[in-house]
């Protein structure tokens, strides 16, 4: 399940942000996202979260969204994994 979540999240970042698949494939847990990727600005965050909700069939509440969850790839992956585990 974790591998599927990781692969799907990388695909979402590739699709929504228009990144090269090789770029997202190279993301490590400490790879910076918001504030590090010019493609991930405040406008792109809304699209990213919507796509995550759609593909993982989860609901992301406003209070769930903070700077930490978007700070690194690992933080975003951990957030999505936790939300999908809640079912």
C-alpha atoms as a PDB file:
ATOM      1  CA  UNK A   1       0.000   0.000   0.000  1.00  0.00           C
ATOM      2  CA  UNK A   2       2.773   2.441   0.901  1.00  0.00           C
ATOM      3  CA  UNK A   3       4.472   1.904  -2.465  1.00  0.00           C
ATOM      4  CA  UNK A   4       1.180   2.533  -4.271  1.00  0.00           C
ATOM      5  CA  UNK A   5       0.609   5.719  -2.275  1.00  0.00           C
ATOM      6  CA  UNK A   6       4.141   6.895  -3.052  1.00  0.00           C
ATOM      7  CA  UNK A   7       3.789   6.170  -6.783  1.00  0.00           C
ATOM      8  CA  UNK A   8       0.380   7.834  -6.985  1.00  0.00           C
ATOM      9  CA  UNK A   9       1.567  10.919  -5.110  1.00  0.00           C
ATOM     10  CA  UNK A  10       4.563  11.260  -7.430  1.00  0.00           C
ATOM     11  CA  UNK A  11       2.210  10.962 -10.432  1.00  0.00           C
ATOM     12  CA  UNK A  12      -0.053  13.676  -8.974  1.00  0.00           C
ATOM     13  CA  UNK A  13       2.899  16.032  -8.503  1.00  0.00           C
ATOM     14  CA  UNK A  14       4.026  15.306 -12.057  1.00  0.00           C
ATOM     15  CA  UNK A  15       0.551  15.928 -13.513  1.00  0.00           C
ATOM     16  CA  UNK A  16      -0.558  18.917 -11.456  1.00  0.00           C
ATOM     17  CA  UNK A  17       2.724  20.811 -11.398  1.00  0.00           C
ATOM     18  CA  UNK A  18       3.898  19.826 -14.867  1.00  0.00           C
ATOM     19  CA  UNK A  19       7.136  18.390 -13.507  1.00  0.00           C
ATOM     20  CA  UNK A  20       9.224  15.863 -15.391  1.00  0.00           C
ATOM     21  CA  UNK A  21       8.625  12.277 -14.195  1.00  0.00           C
ATOM     22  CA  UNK A  22      12.389  11.966 -13.664  1.00  0.00           C
ATOM     23  CA  UNK A  23      12.256  14.947 -11.296  1.00  0.00           C
ATOM     24  CA  UNK A  24       9.499  13.529  -9.111  1.00  0.00           C
ATOM     25  CA  UNK A  25      11.080  10.058  -9.246  1.00  0.00           C
ATOM     26  CA  UNK A  26      14.190  11.567  -7.654  1.00  0.00           C
ATOM     27  CA  UNK A  27      12.271  13.103  -4.730  1.00  0.00           C
ATOM     28  CA  UNK A  28      13.487  11.940  -1.344  1.00  0.00           C
ATOM     29  CA  UNK A  29      11.739  12.381   1.999  1.00  0.00           C
ATOM     30  CA  UNK A  30      13.613  15.626   2.651  1.00  0.00           C
ATOM     31  CA  UNK A  31      13.071  17.119  -0.823  1.00  0.00           C
ATOM     32  CA  UNK A  32      11.600  20.578  -0.333  1.00  0.00           C
ATOM     33  CA  UNK A  33       8.230  21.304  -1.919  1.00  0.00           C
ATOM     34  CA  UNK A  34       6.405  24.531  -1.026  1.00  0.00           C
ATOM     35  CA  UNK A  35       8.904  27.354  -1.110  1.00  0.00           C
ATOM     36  CA  UNK A  36      11.419  25.186  -2.980  1.00  0.00           C
ATOM     37  CA  UNK A  37       9.580  24.305  -6.184  1.00  0.00           C
ATOM     38  CA  UNK A  38       8.609  27.409  -8.171  1.00  0.00           C
ATOM     39  CA  UNK A  39       5.779  25.374  -9.739  1.00  0.00           C
ATOM     40  CA  UNK A  40       4.182  24.852  -6.315  1.00  0.00           C
ATOM     41  CA  UNK A  41       2.809  28.279  -5.501  1.00  0.00           C
ATOM     42  CA  UNK A  42      -0.285  29.138  -3.488  1.00  0.00           C
ATOM     43  CA  UNK A  43      -2.511  28.725  -6.552  1.00  0.00           C
ATOM     44  CA  UNK A  44      -1.066  25.298  -7.340  1.00  0.00           C
ATOM     45  CA  UNK A  45      -1.636  24.100  -3.759  1.00  0.00           C
ATOM     46  CA  UNK A  46      -5.422  24.142  -4.231  1.00  0.00           C
ATOM     47  CA  UNK A  47      -5.185  22.089  -7.411  1.00  0.00           C
ATOM     48  CA  UNK A  48      -2.732  19.695  -5.808  1.00  0.00           C
ATOM     49  CA  UNK A  49      -4.947  19.083  -2.773  1.00  0.00           C
ATOM     50  CA  UNK A  50      -8.035  18.622  -4.952  1.00  0.00           C
ATOM     51  CA  UNK A  51      -6.232  16.049  -7.086  1.00  0.00           C
ATOM     52  CA  UNK A  52      -4.986  14.238  -3.967  1.00  0.00           C
ATOM     53  CA  UNK A  53      -8.574  14.109  -2.667  1.00  0.00           C
ATOM     54  CA  UNK A  54      -9.866  12.764  -5.986  1.00  0.00           C
ATOM     55  CA  UNK A  55      -7.235  10.100  -6.578  1.00  0.00           C
ATOM     56  CA  UNK A  56      -7.063   8.840  -3.001  1.00  0.00           C
ATOM     57  CA  UNK A  57     -10.782   9.277  -2.300  1.00  0.00           C
ATOM     58  CA  UNK A  58     -10.102  11.227   0.895  1.00  0.00           C
ATOM     59  CA  UNK A  59     -11.345  14.525   2.284  1.00  0.00           C
ATOM     60  CA  UNK A  60      -8.788  17.132   3.275  1.00  0.00           C
ATOM     61  CA  UNK A  61     -10.224  19.609   5.772  1.00  0.00           C
ATOM     62  CA  UNK A  62      -9.020  23.217   5.872  1.00  0.00           C
ATOM     63  CA  UNK A  63      -7.551  22.653   9.335  1.00  0.00           C
ATOM     64  CA  UNK A  64      -5.475  19.760   7.933  1.00  0.00           C
ATOM     65  CA  UNK A  65      -3.563  22.096   5.639  1.00  0.00           C
ATOM     66  CA  UNK A  66      -0.484  23.776   7.048  1.00  0.00           C
ATOM     67  CA  UNK A  67       2.997  24.703   5.948  1.00  0.00           C
ATOM     68  CA  UNK A  68       4.565  21.635   7.509  1.00  0.00           C
ATOM     69  CA  UNK A  69       2.570  19.128   5.469  1.00  0.00           C
ATOM     70  CA  UNK A  70       3.727  20.818   2.248  1.00  0.00           C
ATOM     71  CA  UNK A  71       7.279  21.524   3.373  1.00  0.00           C
ATOM     72  CA  UNK A  72       8.864  18.287   2.139  1.00  0.00           C
ATOM     73  CA  UNK A  73       7.913  15.329   0.009  1.00  0.00           C
ATOM     74  CA  UNK A  74       8.191  13.058   3.056  1.00  0.00           C
ATOM     75  CA  UNK A  75       5.800  15.244   5.055  1.00  0.00           C
ATOM     76  CA  UNK A  76       3.237  15.243   2.245  1.00  0.00           C
ATOM     77  CA  UNK A  77       3.569  11.475   1.791  1.00  0.00           C
ATOM     78  CA  UNK A  78       3.129  10.918   5.536  1.00  0.00           C
ATOM     79  CA  UNK A  79       0.054  13.150   5.537  1.00  0.00           C
ATOM     80  CA  UNK A  80      -1.551  11.322   2.598  1.00  0.00           C
ATOM     81  CA  UNK A  81      -0.684   7.923   4.092  1.00  0.00           C
ATOM     82  CA  UNK A  82      -2.280   8.908   7.400  1.00  0.00           C
ATOM     83  CA  UNK A  83      -5.431  10.230   5.695  1.00  0.00           C
ATOM     84  CA  UNK A  84      -5.848   7.103   3.581  1.00  0.00           C
ATOM     85  CA  UNK A  85      -5.351   4.910   6.682  1.00  0.00           C
ATOM     86  CA  UNK A  86      -8.251   6.743   8.358  1.00  0.00           C
ATOM     87  CA  UNK A  87     -10.362   5.533   5.473  1.00  0.00           C
END
